[in-house]
């Protein structure tokens, strides 16, 4: 009977360990040592609350948790329930103007939504705030280094994490939407010197979902911002925006859509009338909250999710 008892004890200990690991997300450093171009002299990483804003500016007006003073980028991996896991994964880029990361609204809540449709949600904690050589009004350059590396890192460990290496996408919000587009369109050239075998693996996401993105439109011109190009091989893109967004006007997504269409890249654009900025994935009675259902259907249509997967 002793071997049977030992086997039962082993099974119970494994089950407990599995349940703990399923409840606790895995956190992995993006870089094996100090990140490129990082001085690390901005103080300790910390949480703070976002400012309360009015309905004309944002959809979610109450404060939510943010992270700032990030010098050590990391990814936090949220796996879906085993019975729903489709093998698809999405890197999540919270917004915050490249000053902060809206960790709750545009990170954790997004991971929950992705888990509900059977995808692994991987929140990217990229470097914020802007460093002195990253001027206000322009995209910061270090986050793209972090995002390119993160895509390669996830793909390098896809087998270990139960992820299909050709179903790794990226979603971003506001400044994070810009980061998602920049990652999806700059895969042909890394923005840092390769440091190890991870950097030999493709940093091209298989699809991109930029939501109320900023920094895509040139100032005072109806054209894409300098630095945004659409190379051959750009992955499919699903663009989302609020029609009444005064923080990042919808022209950012409209012009990006037109550029993608001209380049022959599969793209879909949703602009929601009467909707402002910062709606994340929260359900409410506003039109913009329907975007997640449309996006999930788009992912099914392109076979990044299997048919029939529902929230």
C-alpha atoms as a PDB file:
ATOM      1  CA  UNK A   1       0.000   0.000   0.000  1.00  0.00           C
ATOM      2  CA  UNK A   2       2.935   2.318   0.589  1.00  0.00           C
ATOM      3  CA  UNK A   3       3.682   2.883  -3.133  1.00  0.00           C
ATOM      4  CA  UNK A   4       0.000   3.719  -3.677  1.00  0.00           C
ATOM      5  CA  UNK A   5       0.038   6.160  -0.783  1.00  0.00           C
ATOM      6  CA  UNK A   6       3.205   7.745  -2.135  1.00  0.00           C
ATOM      7  CA  UNK A   7       1.630   8.088  -5.571  1.00  0.00           C
ATOM      8  CA  UNK A   8      -1.461   9.717  -4.078  1.00  0.00           C
ATOM      9  CA  UNK A   9       0.673  12.109  -2.053  1.00  0.00           C
ATOM     10  CA  UNK A  10       2.688  12.988  -5.157  1.00  0.00           C
ATOM     11  CA  UNK A  11      -0.497  13.633  -7.154  1.00  0.00           C
ATOM     12  CA  UNK A  12      -1.941  15.832  -4.397  1.00  0.00           C
ATOM     13  CA  UNK A  13       1.262  17.862  -4.118  1.00  0.00           C
ATOM     14  CA  UNK A  14       1.338  18.289  -7.921  1.00  0.00           C
ATOM     15  CA  UNK A  15      -2.313  19.389  -7.972  1.00  0.00           C
ATOM     16  CA  UNK A  16      -1.690  21.940  -5.222  1.00  0.00           C
ATOM     17  CA  UNK A  17       1.388  23.252  -7.008  1.00  0.00           C
ATOM     18  CA  UNK A  18      -0.552  23.501 -10.296  1.00  0.00           C
ATOM     19  CA  UNK A  19      -3.405  25.417  -8.659  1.00  0.00           C
ATOM     20  CA  UNK A  20      -0.982  27.854  -7.029  1.00  0.00           C
ATOM     21  CA  UNK A  21       0.909  28.417 -10.280  1.00  0.00           C
ATOM     22  CA  UNK A  22      -2.387  28.898 -12.124  1.00  0.00           C
ATOM     23  CA  UNK A  23      -3.461  31.546  -9.606  1.00  0.00           C
ATOM     24  CA  UNK A  24      -0.130  33.362  -9.515  1.00  0.00           C
ATOM     25  CA  UNK A  25       1.031  34.862 -12.821  1.00  0.00           C
ATOM     26  CA  UNK A  26       4.586  34.180 -13.911  1.00  0.00           C
ATOM     27  CA  UNK A  27       6.873  37.243 -14.001  1.00  0.00           C
ATOM     28  CA  UNK A  28       9.952  37.142 -16.266  1.00  0.00           C
ATOM     29  CA  UNK A  29      12.590  39.832 -16.801  1.00  0.00           C
ATOM     30  CA  UNK A  30      12.754  41.048 -20.399  1.00  0.00           C
ATOM     31  CA  UNK A  31      16.527  41.587 -20.345  1.00  0.00           C
ATOM     32  CA  UNK A  32      19.110  39.219 -18.805  1.00  0.00           C
ATOM     33  CA  UNK A  33      20.995  42.178 -17.336  1.00  0.00           C
ATOM     34  CA  UNK A  34      20.589  45.951 -17.510  1.00  0.00           C
ATOM     35  CA  UNK A  35      18.364  47.127 -20.361  1.00  0.00           C
ATOM     36  CA  UNK A  36      20.032  48.991 -23.273  1.00  0.00           C
ATOM     37  CA  UNK A  37      20.588  52.730 -22.757  1.00  0.00           C
ATOM     38  CA  UNK A  38      19.446  52.447 -19.144  1.00  0.00           C
ATOM     39  CA  UNK A  39      21.137  54.511 -16.438  1.00  0.00           C
ATOM     40  CA  UNK A  40      18.780  53.275 -13.712  1.00  0.00           C
ATOM     41  CA  UNK A  41      18.907  56.527 -11.755  1.00  0.00           C
ATOM     42  CA  UNK A  42      15.223  57.537 -11.635  1.00  0.00           C
ATOM     43  CA  UNK A  43      14.361  56.049  -8.250  1.00  0.00           C
ATOM     44  CA  UNK A  44      12.503  52.892  -7.204  1.00  0.00           C
ATOM     45  CA  UNK A  45       9.574  51.524  -9.185  1.00  0.00           C
ATOM     46  CA  UNK A  46       6.234  52.428  -7.598  1.00  0.00           C
ATOM     47  CA  UNK A  47       2.464  52.294  -7.908  1.00  0.00           C
ATOM     48  CA  UNK A  48       0.398  55.467  -8.031  1.00  0.00           C
ATOM     49  CA  UNK A  49      -3.229  56.307  -8.766  1.00  0.00           C
ATOM     50  CA  UNK A  50      -4.274  57.919 -12.010  1.00  0.00           C
ATOM     51  CA  UNK A  51      -5.874  61.375 -11.856  1.00  0.00           C
ATOM     52  CA  UNK A  52      -9.660  61.610 -11.810  1.00  0.00           C
ATOM     53  CA  UNK A  53     -10.827  63.126 -15.097  1.00  0.00           C
ATOM     54  CA  UNK A  54     -14.200  64.138 -16.519  1.00  0.00           C
ATOM     55  CA  UNK A  55     -16.347  62.335 -19.058  1.00  0.00           C
ATOM     56  CA  UNK A  56     -15.338  64.678 -21.896  1.00  0.00           C
ATOM     57  CA  UNK A  57     -11.759  63.449 -21.568  1.00  0.00           C
ATOM     58  CA  UNK A  58     -12.081  59.770 -20.668  1.00  0.00           C
ATOM     59  CA  UNK A  59     -14.662  56.996 -20.412  1.00  0.00           C
ATOM     60  CA  UNK A  60     -13.363  55.629 -17.085  1.00  0.00           C
ATOM     61  CA  UNK A  61     -13.342  58.690 -14.835  1.00  0.00           C
ATOM     62  CA  UNK A  62     -12.392  57.155 -11.471  1.00  0.00           C
ATOM     63  CA  UNK A  63      -8.699  56.719 -10.518  1.00  0.00           C
ATOM     64  CA  UNK A  64      -7.071  53.359 -11.278  1.00  0.00           C
ATOM     65  CA  UNK A  65      -3.657  51.903 -10.409  1.00  0.00           C
ATOM     66  CA  UNK A  66      -0.624  52.875 -12.465  1.00  0.00           C
ATOM     67  CA  UNK A  67       3.054  51.901 -12.376  1.00  0.00           C
ATOM     68  CA  UNK A  68       5.888  54.354 -12.951  1.00  0.00           C
ATOM     69  CA  UNK A  69       9.677  54.685 -12.547  1.00  0.00           C
ATOM     70  CA  UNK A  70      10.352  51.436 -14.408  1.00  0.00           C
ATOM     71  CA  UNK A  71      14.001  50.669 -15.103  1.00  0.00           C
ATOM     72  CA  UNK A  72      13.772  46.859 -15.170  1.00  0.00           C
ATOM     73  CA  UNK A  73      11.249  45.773 -17.845  1.00  0.00           C
ATOM     74  CA  UNK A  74       9.353  42.526 -17.265  1.00  0.00           C
ATOM     75  CA  UNK A  75       6.479  40.490 -18.632  1.00  0.00           C
ATOM     76  CA  UNK A  76       3.671  39.158 -16.429  1.00  0.00           C
ATOM     77  CA  UNK A  77       2.005  36.075 -17.898  1.00  0.00           C
ATOM     78  CA  UNK A  78      -1.655  35.290 -17.230  1.00  0.00           C
ATOM     79  CA  UNK A  79      -2.723  31.879 -18.553  1.00  0.00           C
ATOM     80  CA  UNK A  80      -6.375  31.087 -19.337  1.00  0.00           C
ATOM     81  CA  UNK A  81      -8.126  28.114 -17.735  1.00  0.00           C
ATOM     82  CA  UNK A  82      -6.658  24.901 -19.099  1.00  0.00           C
ATOM     83  CA  UNK A  83      -9.944  23.824 -20.706  1.00  0.00           C
ATOM     84  CA  UNK A  84     -10.200  27.146 -22.623  1.00  0.00           C
ATOM     85  CA  UNK A  85      -6.546  27.572 -23.636  1.00  0.00           C
ATOM     86  CA  UNK A  86      -6.275  28.035 -27.416  1.00  0.00           C
ATOM     87  CA  UNK A  87      -2.484  28.473 -27.581  1.00  0.00           C
ATOM     88  CA  UNK A  88      -2.836  32.099 -28.713  1.00  0.00           C
ATOM     89  CA  UNK A  89      -0.991  34.773 -26.720  1.00  0.00           C
ATOM     90  CA  UNK A  90      -1.158  38.563 -26.764  1.00  0.00           C
ATOM     91  CA  UNK A  91       1.451  40.984 -25.434  1.00  0.00           C
ATOM     92  CA  UNK A  92      -0.329  43.862 -23.650  1.00  0.00           C
ATOM     93  CA  UNK A  93       1.083  47.404 -23.746  1.00  0.00           C
ATOM     94  CA  UNK A  94      -0.693  49.690 -21.233  1.00  0.00           C
ATOM     95  CA  UNK A  95      -0.929  53.380 -22.070  1.00  0.00           C
ATOM     96  CA  UNK A  96       0.099  56.425 -20.082  1.00  0.00           C
ATOM     97  CA  UNK A  97       1.737  58.864 -22.493  1.00  0.00           C
ATOM     98  CA  UNK A  98       5.105  57.124 -22.050  1.00  0.00           C
ATOM     99  CA  UNK A  99       5.105  58.623 -18.536  1.00  0.00           C
ATOM    100  CA  UNK A 100       3.202  55.949 -16.605  1.00  0.00           C
ATOM    101  CA  UNK A 101       1.580  52.559 -17.228  1.00  0.00           C
ATOM    102  CA  UNK A 102      -2.178  52.234 -16.656  1.00  0.00           C
ATOM    103  CA  UNK A 103      -1.581  48.823 -15.119  1.00  0.00           C
ATOM    104  CA  UNK A 104      -5.092  48.083 -13.859  1.00  0.00           C
ATOM    105  CA  UNK A 105      -7.326  49.475 -16.628  1.00  0.00           C
ATOM    106  CA  UNK A 106      -5.111  48.665 -19.617  1.00  0.00           C
ATOM    107  CA  UNK A 107      -3.127  45.746 -18.219  1.00  0.00           C
ATOM    108  CA  UNK A 108      -4.740  43.426 -15.690  1.00  0.00           C
ATOM    109  CA  UNK A 109      -8.295  43.950 -16.972  1.00  0.00           C
ATOM    110  CA  UNK A 110      -7.125  43.285 -20.528  1.00  0.00           C
ATOM    111  CA  UNK A 111      -5.413  40.067 -19.439  1.00  0.00           C
ATOM    112  CA  UNK A 112      -8.702  38.958 -17.831  1.00  0.00           C
ATOM    113  CA  UNK A 113     -10.564  39.605 -21.087  1.00  0.00           C
ATOM    114  CA  UNK A 114      -7.981  37.711 -23.129  1.00  0.00           C
ATOM    115  CA  UNK A 115      -8.180  34.774 -20.725  1.00  0.00           C
ATOM    116  CA  UNK A 116     -11.969  34.769 -21.162  1.00  0.00           C
ATOM    117  CA  UNK A 117     -11.561  34.100 -24.911  1.00  0.00           C
ATOM    118  CA  UNK A 118      -8.880  31.457 -24.375  1.00  0.00           C
ATOM    119  CA  UNK A 119      -5.767  33.565 -24.985  1.00  0.00           C
ATOM    120  CA  UNK A 120      -2.760  34.058 -22.738  1.00  0.00           C
ATOM    121  CA  UNK A 121      -2.436  37.711 -21.683  1.00  0.00           C
ATOM    122  CA  UNK A 122       1.141  38.927 -21.208  1.00  0.00           C
ATOM    123  CA  UNK A 123       1.467  42.418 -19.725  1.00  0.00           C
ATOM    124  CA  UNK A 124       4.618  44.243 -20.775  1.00  0.00           C
ATOM    125  CA  UNK A 125       6.056  46.483 -18.084  1.00  0.00           C
ATOM    126  CA  UNK A 126       8.110  48.732 -20.328  1.00  0.00           C
ATOM    127  CA  UNK A 127      10.305  51.625 -19.300  1.00  0.00           C
ATOM    128  CA  UNK A 128       8.614  54.795 -18.067  1.00  0.00           C
ATOM    129  CA  UNK A 129       8.728  57.710 -17.558  1.00  0.00           C
ATOM    130  CA  UNK A 130      10.438  59.352 -20.475  1.00  0.00           C
ATOM    131  CA  UNK A 131      14.154  59.855 -19.995  1.00  0.00           C
ATOM    132  CA  UNK A 132      15.702  63.314 -20.548  1.00  0.00           C
ATOM    133  CA  UNK A 133      16.591  62.462 -24.165  1.00  0.00           C
ATOM    134  CA  UNK A 134      12.969  61.443 -24.943  1.00  0.00           C
ATOM    135  CA  UNK A 135      11.157  64.777 -25.416  1.00  0.00           C
ATOM    136  CA  UNK A 136       7.517  65.355 -24.550  1.00  0.00           C
ATOM    137  CA  UNK A 137       5.203  65.238 -27.554  1.00  0.00           C
ATOM    138  CA  UNK A 138       7.223  62.527 -29.311  1.00  0.00           C
ATOM    139  CA  UNK A 139       7.190  58.764 -28.755  1.00  0.00           C
ATOM    140  CA  UNK A 140       9.814  57.533 -26.302  1.00  0.00           C
ATOM    141  CA  UNK A 141      12.367  55.239 -27.946  1.00  0.00           C
ATOM    142  CA  UNK A 142      13.297  52.798 -25.151  1.00  0.00           C
ATOM    143  CA  UNK A 143       9.850  51.126 -24.914  1.00  0.00           C
ATOM    144  CA  UNK A 144      10.192  49.847 -28.498  1.00  0.00           C
ATOM    145  CA  UNK A 145      13.424  48.121 -27.496  1.00  0.00           C
ATOM    146  CA  UNK A 146      11.544  46.459 -24.633  1.00  0.00           C
ATOM    147  CA  UNK A 147       8.632  45.436 -26.862  1.00  0.00           C
ATOM    148  CA  UNK A 148      10.791  43.968 -29.632  1.00  0.00           C
ATOM    149  CA  UNK A 149      12.747  41.965 -27.091  1.00  0.00           C
ATOM    150  CA  UNK A 150       9.545  40.826 -25.347  1.00  0.00           C
ATOM    151  CA  UNK A 151       8.036  39.408 -28.558  1.00  0.00           C
ATOM    152  CA  UNK A 152      11.215  37.431 -29.234  1.00  0.00           C
ATOM    153  CA  UNK A 153      11.361  36.282 -25.613  1.00  0.00           C
ATOM    154  CA  UNK A 154       7.782  34.976 -25.653  1.00  0.00           C
ATOM    155  CA  UNK A 155       8.370  33.194 -28.959  1.00  0.00           C
ATOM    156  CA  UNK A 156      11.607  31.667 -27.633  1.00  0.00           C
ATOM    157  CA  UNK A 157       9.706  30.092 -24.728  1.00  0.00           C
ATOM    158  CA  UNK A 158       6.457  29.357 -26.532  1.00  0.00           C
ATOM    159  CA  UNK A 159       6.769  25.597 -26.143  1.00  0.00           C
ATOM    160  CA  UNK A 160       7.455  25.906 -22.415  1.00  0.00           C
ATOM    161  CA  UNK A 161       4.454  28.217 -21.897  1.00  0.00           C
ATOM    162  CA  UNK A 162       1.977  26.347 -24.107  1.00  0.00           C
ATOM    163  CA  UNK A 163       1.886  29.073 -26.762  1.00  0.00           C
ATOM    164  CA  UNK A 164       1.715  28.602 -30.526  1.00  0.00           C
ATOM    165  CA  UNK A 165       4.793  30.427 -31.911  1.00  0.00           C
ATOM    166  CA  UNK A 166       2.826  31.726 -34.912  1.00  0.00           C
ATOM    167  CA  UNK A 167      -0.105  33.067 -32.864  1.00  0.00           C
ATOM    168  CA  UNK A 168       1.598  35.756 -30.792  1.00  0.00           C
ATOM    169  CA  UNK A 169      -0.046  39.168 -31.131  1.00  0.00           C
ATOM    170  CA  UNK A 170       0.222  42.565 -29.478  1.00  0.00           C
ATOM    171  CA  UNK A 171      -2.447  44.924 -28.114  1.00  0.00           C
ATOM    172  CA  UNK A 172      -1.848  48.449 -26.863  1.00  0.00           C
ATOM    173  CA  UNK A 173      -3.794  51.430 -25.564  1.00  0.00           C
ATOM    174  CA  UNK A 174      -3.123  55.141 -26.174  1.00  0.00           C
ATOM    175  CA  UNK A 175       0.696  55.464 -26.119  1.00  0.00           C
ATOM    176  CA  UNK A 176       0.717  51.677 -25.833  1.00  0.00           C
ATOM    177  CA  UNK A 177      -1.298  51.579 -29.058  1.00  0.00           C
ATOM    178  CA  UNK A 178       1.492  53.492 -30.728  1.00  0.00           C
ATOM    179  CA  UNK A 179       3.942  51.001 -29.255  1.00  0.00           C
ATOM    180  CA  UNK A 180       1.881  48.117 -30.672  1.00  0.00           C
ATOM    181  CA  UNK A 181       1.945  49.657 -34.168  1.00  0.00           C
ATOM    182  CA  UNK A 182       5.645  50.505 -33.896  1.00  0.00           C
ATOM    183  CA  UNK A 183       6.403  46.902 -32.927  1.00  0.00           C
ATOM    184  CA  UNK A 184       4.240  45.513 -35.733  1.00  0.00           C
ATOM    185  CA  UNK A 185       5.904  47.713 -38.380  1.00  0.00           C
ATOM    186  CA  UNK A 186       9.563  47.725 -37.241  1.00  0.00           C
ATOM    187  CA  UNK A 187      10.235  43.989 -37.144  1.00  0.00           C
ATOM    188  CA  UNK A 188      12.627  44.334 -40.082  1.00  0.00           C
ATOM    189  CA  UNK A 189      15.211  46.165 -37.935  1.00  0.00           C
ATOM    190  CA  UNK A 190      15.888  45.909 -34.210  1.00  0.00           C
ATOM    191  CA  UNK A 191      16.318  49.135 -32.307  1.00  0.00           C
ATOM    192  CA  UNK A 192      19.122  47.734 -30.139  1.00  0.00           C
ATOM    193  CA  UNK A 193      22.218  45.599 -30.631  1.00  0.00           C
ATOM    194  CA  UNK A 194      21.376  41.878 -30.300  1.00  0.00           C
ATOM    195  CA  UNK A 195      22.743  40.422 -27.084  1.00  0.00           C
ATOM    196  CA  UNK A 196      21.975  36.670 -27.115  1.00  0.00           C
ATOM    197  CA  UNK A 197      20.155  33.845 -28.890  1.00  0.00           C
ATOM    198  CA  UNK A 198      16.733  35.266 -28.004  1.00  0.00           C
ATOM    199  CA  UNK A 199      17.457  38.140 -30.370  1.00  0.00           C
ATOM    200  CA  UNK A 200      17.935  35.679 -33.235  1.00  0.00           C
ATOM    201  CA  UNK A 201      14.213  34.874 -33.003  1.00  0.00           C
ATOM    202  CA  UNK A 202      11.652  36.964 -34.888  1.00  0.00           C
ATOM    203  CA  UNK A 203      10.274  40.038 -33.101  1.00  0.00           C
ATOM    204  CA  UNK A 204       7.362  40.331 -35.560  1.00  0.00           C
ATOM    205  CA  UNK A 205       3.973  39.975 -33.854  1.00  0.00           C
ATOM    206  CA  UNK A 206       1.466  37.895 -35.817  1.00  0.00           C
ATOM    207  CA  UNK A 207      -1.276  40.521 -35.392  1.00  0.00           C
ATOM    208  CA  UNK A 208      -1.676  43.931 -33.777  1.00  0.00           C
ATOM    209  CA  UNK A 209      -4.578  45.612 -31.969  1.00  0.00           C
ATOM    210  CA  UNK A 210      -3.932  49.341 -31.370  1.00  0.00           C
ATOM    211  CA  UNK A 211      -6.693  50.968 -29.310  1.00  0.00           C
ATOM    212  CA  UNK A 212      -7.212  54.790 -29.191  1.00  0.00           C
ATOM    213  CA  UNK A 213      -3.585  55.212 -30.246  1.00  0.00           C
ATOM    214  CA  UNK A 214      -1.605  58.421 -30.113  1.00  0.00           C
ATOM    215  CA  UNK A 215       1.523  59.576 -31.969  1.00  0.00           C
ATOM    216  CA  UNK A 216       0.438  58.085 -35.314  1.00  0.00           C
ATOM    217  CA  UNK A 217      -0.561  61.350 -36.999  1.00  0.00           C
ATOM    218  CA  UNK A 218       1.930  64.045 -38.008  1.00  0.00           C
ATOM    219  CA  UNK A 219       1.450  67.400 -36.325  1.00  0.00           C
ATOM    220  CA  UNK A 220      -0.744  69.743 -38.390  1.00  0.00           C
ATOM    221  CA  UNK A 221      -0.712  67.340 -41.364  1.00  0.00           C
ATOM    222  CA  UNK A 222      -3.113  64.656 -42.522  1.00  0.00           C
ATOM    223  CA  UNK A 223      -0.382  62.056 -42.866  1.00  0.00           C
ATOM    224  CA  UNK A 224       1.410  59.491 -40.736  1.00  0.00           C
ATOM    225  CA  UNK A 225       3.927  60.725 -38.207  1.00  0.00           C
ATOM    226  CA  UNK A 226       7.605  60.572 -39.145  1.00  0.00           C
ATOM    227  CA  UNK A 227       9.079  57.227 -38.190  1.00  0.00           C
ATOM    228  CA  UNK A 228       5.919  55.215 -38.940  1.00  0.00           C
ATOM    229  CA  UNK A 229       6.242  53.105 -42.081  1.00  0.00           C
ATOM    230  CA  UNK A 230       4.420  50.005 -43.336  1.00  0.00           C
ATOM    231  CA  UNK A 231       6.910  47.456 -44.663  1.00  0.00           C
ATOM    232  CA  UNK A 232       6.116  44.338 -46.648  1.00  0.00           C
ATOM    233  CA  UNK A 233       5.146  41.628 -44.181  1.00  0.00           C
ATOM    234  CA  UNK A 234       3.337  43.906 -41.736  1.00  0.00           C
ATOM    235  CA  UNK A 235       0.856  41.678 -39.859  1.00  0.00           C
ATOM    236  CA  UNK A 236      -2.952  42.160 -39.843  1.00  0.00           C
ATOM    237  CA  UNK A 237      -4.141  45.108 -37.742  1.00  0.00           C
ATOM    238  CA  UNK A 238      -7.414  45.785 -35.870  1.00  0.00           C
ATOM    239  CA  UNK A 239      -7.774  49.510 -35.038  1.00  0.00           C
ATOM    240  CA  UNK A 240     -10.159  50.907 -32.397  1.00  0.00           C
ATOM    241  CA  UNK A 241     -10.936  54.540 -31.526  1.00  0.00           C
ATOM    242  CA  UNK A 242     -13.523  56.786 -29.920  1.00  0.00           C
ATOM    243  CA  UNK A 243     -15.045  59.336 -32.279  1.00  0.00           C
ATOM    244  CA  UNK A 244     -15.026  62.053 -29.590  1.00  0.00           C
ATOM    245  CA  UNK A 245     -11.495  61.379 -28.311  1.00  0.00           C
ATOM    246  CA  UNK A 246      -9.805  64.716 -27.521  1.00  0.00           C
ATOM    247  CA  UNK A 247      -6.702  63.118 -25.961  1.00  0.00           C
ATOM    248  CA  UNK A 248      -5.711  61.124 -29.056  1.00  0.00           C
ATOM    249  CA  UNK A 249      -8.045  62.197 -31.881  1.00  0.00           C
ATOM    250  CA  UNK A 250      -9.460  59.421 -34.092  1.00  0.00           C
ATOM    251  CA  UNK A 251      -7.507  60.704 -37.090  1.00  0.00           C
ATOM    252  CA  UNK A 252      -4.555  58.762 -35.633  1.00  0.00           C
ATOM    253  CA  UNK A 253      -6.298  55.460 -36.357  1.00  0.00           C
ATOM    254  CA  UNK A 254      -7.987  56.628 -39.566  1.00  0.00           C
ATOM    255  CA  UNK A 255      -4.710  57.647 -41.185  1.00  0.00           C
ATOM    256  CA  UNK A 256      -3.059  54.438 -40.014  1.00  0.00           C
ATOM    257  CA  UNK A 257      -5.867  52.408 -41.537  1.00  0.00           C
ATOM    258  CA  UNK A 258      -5.536  54.207 -44.878  1.00  0.00           C
ATOM    259  CA  UNK A 259      -1.770  53.603 -44.907  1.00  0.00           C
ATOM    260  CA  UNK A 260      -2.253  49.915 -44.128  1.00  0.00           C
ATOM    261  CA  UNK A 261      -4.910  49.583 -46.842  1.00  0.00           C
ATOM    262  CA  UNK A 262      -2.653  51.289 -49.391  1.00  0.00           C
ATOM    263  CA  UNK A 263       0.148  48.863 -48.491  1.00  0.00           C
ATOM    264  CA  UNK A 264      -2.143  45.870 -48.912  1.00  0.00           C
ATOM    265  CA  UNK A 265      -2.094  44.906 -45.218  1.00  0.00           C
ATOM    266  CA  UNK A 266      -5.304  43.280 -43.899  1.00  0.00           C
ATOM    267  CA  UNK A 267      -6.837  45.853 -41.550  1.00  0.00           C
ATOM    268  CA  UNK A 268     -10.110  46.639 -39.845  1.00  0.00           C
ATOM    269  CA  UNK A 269     -11.109  50.001 -38.319  1.00  0.00           C
ATOM    270  CA  UNK A 270     -13.785  50.696 -35.687  1.00  0.00           C
ATOM    271  CA  UNK A 271     -14.548  54.307 -34.686  1.00  0.00           C
ATOM    272  CA  UNK A 272     -17.289  54.572 -32.053  1.00  0.00           C
ATOM    273  CA  UNK A 273     -19.487  57.676 -32.121  1.00  0.00           C
ATOM    274  CA  UNK A 274     -19.828  59.558 -28.855  1.00  0.00           C
ATOM    275  CA  UNK A 275     -16.918  57.740 -27.195  1.00  0.00           C
ATOM    276  CA  UNK A 276     -13.902  59.401 -25.591  1.00  0.00           C
ATOM    277  CA  UNK A 277     -10.491  58.070 -24.476  1.00  0.00           C
ATOM    278  CA  UNK A 278      -9.457  55.382 -21.965  1.00  0.00           C
ATOM    279  CA  UNK A 279     -12.275  52.853 -22.189  1.00  0.00           C
ATOM    280  CA  UNK A 280     -10.074  49.780 -21.966  1.00  0.00           C
ATOM    281  CA  UNK A 281     -12.112  46.568 -22.120  1.00  0.00           C
ATOM    282  CA  UNK A 282     -14.761  47.516 -19.550  1.00  0.00           C
ATOM    283  CA  UNK A 283     -18.364  46.682 -20.331  1.00  0.00           C
ATOM    284  CA  UNK A 284     -20.899  49.517 -20.091  1.00  0.00           C
ATOM    285  CA  UNK A 285     -23.800  50.960 -22.051  1.00  0.00           C
ATOM    286  CA  UNK A 286     -21.576  52.963 -24.406  1.00  0.00           C
ATOM    287  CA  UNK A 287     -20.986  51.834 -27.972  1.00  0.00           C
ATOM    288  CA  UNK A 288     -17.236  51.511 -27.489  1.00  0.00           C
ATOM    289  CA  UNK A 289     -17.604  48.590 -25.091  1.00  0.00           C
ATOM    290  CA  UNK A 290     -18.638  46.409 -28.035  1.00  0.00           C
ATOM    291  CA  UNK A 291     -15.150  46.502 -29.516  1.00  0.00           C
ATOM    292  CA  UNK A 292     -13.927  43.403 -27.678  1.00  0.00           C
ATOM    293  CA  UNK A 293     -16.624  41.234 -29.238  1.00  0.00           C
ATOM    294  CA  UNK A 294     -15.808  42.538 -32.717  1.00  0.00           C
ATOM    295  CA  UNK A 295     -12.112  41.975 -32.082  1.00  0.00           C
ATOM    296  CA  UNK A 296     -12.641  38.403 -30.899  1.00  0.00           C
ATOM    297  CA  UNK A 297     -14.659  37.696 -34.049  1.00  0.00           C
ATOM    298  CA  UNK A 298     -11.855  39.195 -36.164  1.00  0.00           C
ATOM    299  CA  UNK A 299      -9.342  36.913 -34.449  1.00  0.00           C
ATOM    300  CA  UNK A 300     -11.561  33.924 -35.208  1.00  0.00           C
ATOM    301  CA  UNK A 301     -11.961  34.998 -38.833  1.00  0.00           C
ATOM    302  CA  UNK A 302      -8.170  35.111 -39.225  1.00  0.00           C
ATOM    303  CA  UNK A 303      -7.837  31.792 -37.341  1.00  0.00           C
ATOM    304  CA  UNK A 304      -5.845  33.209 -34.466  1.00  0.00           C
ATOM    305  CA  UNK A 305      -8.684  31.862 -32.319  1.00  0.00           C
ATOM    306  CA  UNK A 306     -10.580  28.690 -33.189  1.00  0.00           C
ATOM    307  CA  UNK A 307     -14.189  29.068 -34.342  1.00  0.00           C
ATOM    308  CA  UNK A 308     -16.774  28.936 -31.602  1.00  0.00           C
ATOM    309  CA  UNK A 309     -14.611  30.323 -28.769  1.00  0.00           C
ATOM    310  CA  UNK A 310     -16.760  32.633 -26.642  1.00  0.00           C
ATOM    311  CA  UNK A 311     -16.237  34.793 -23.557  1.00  0.00           C
END
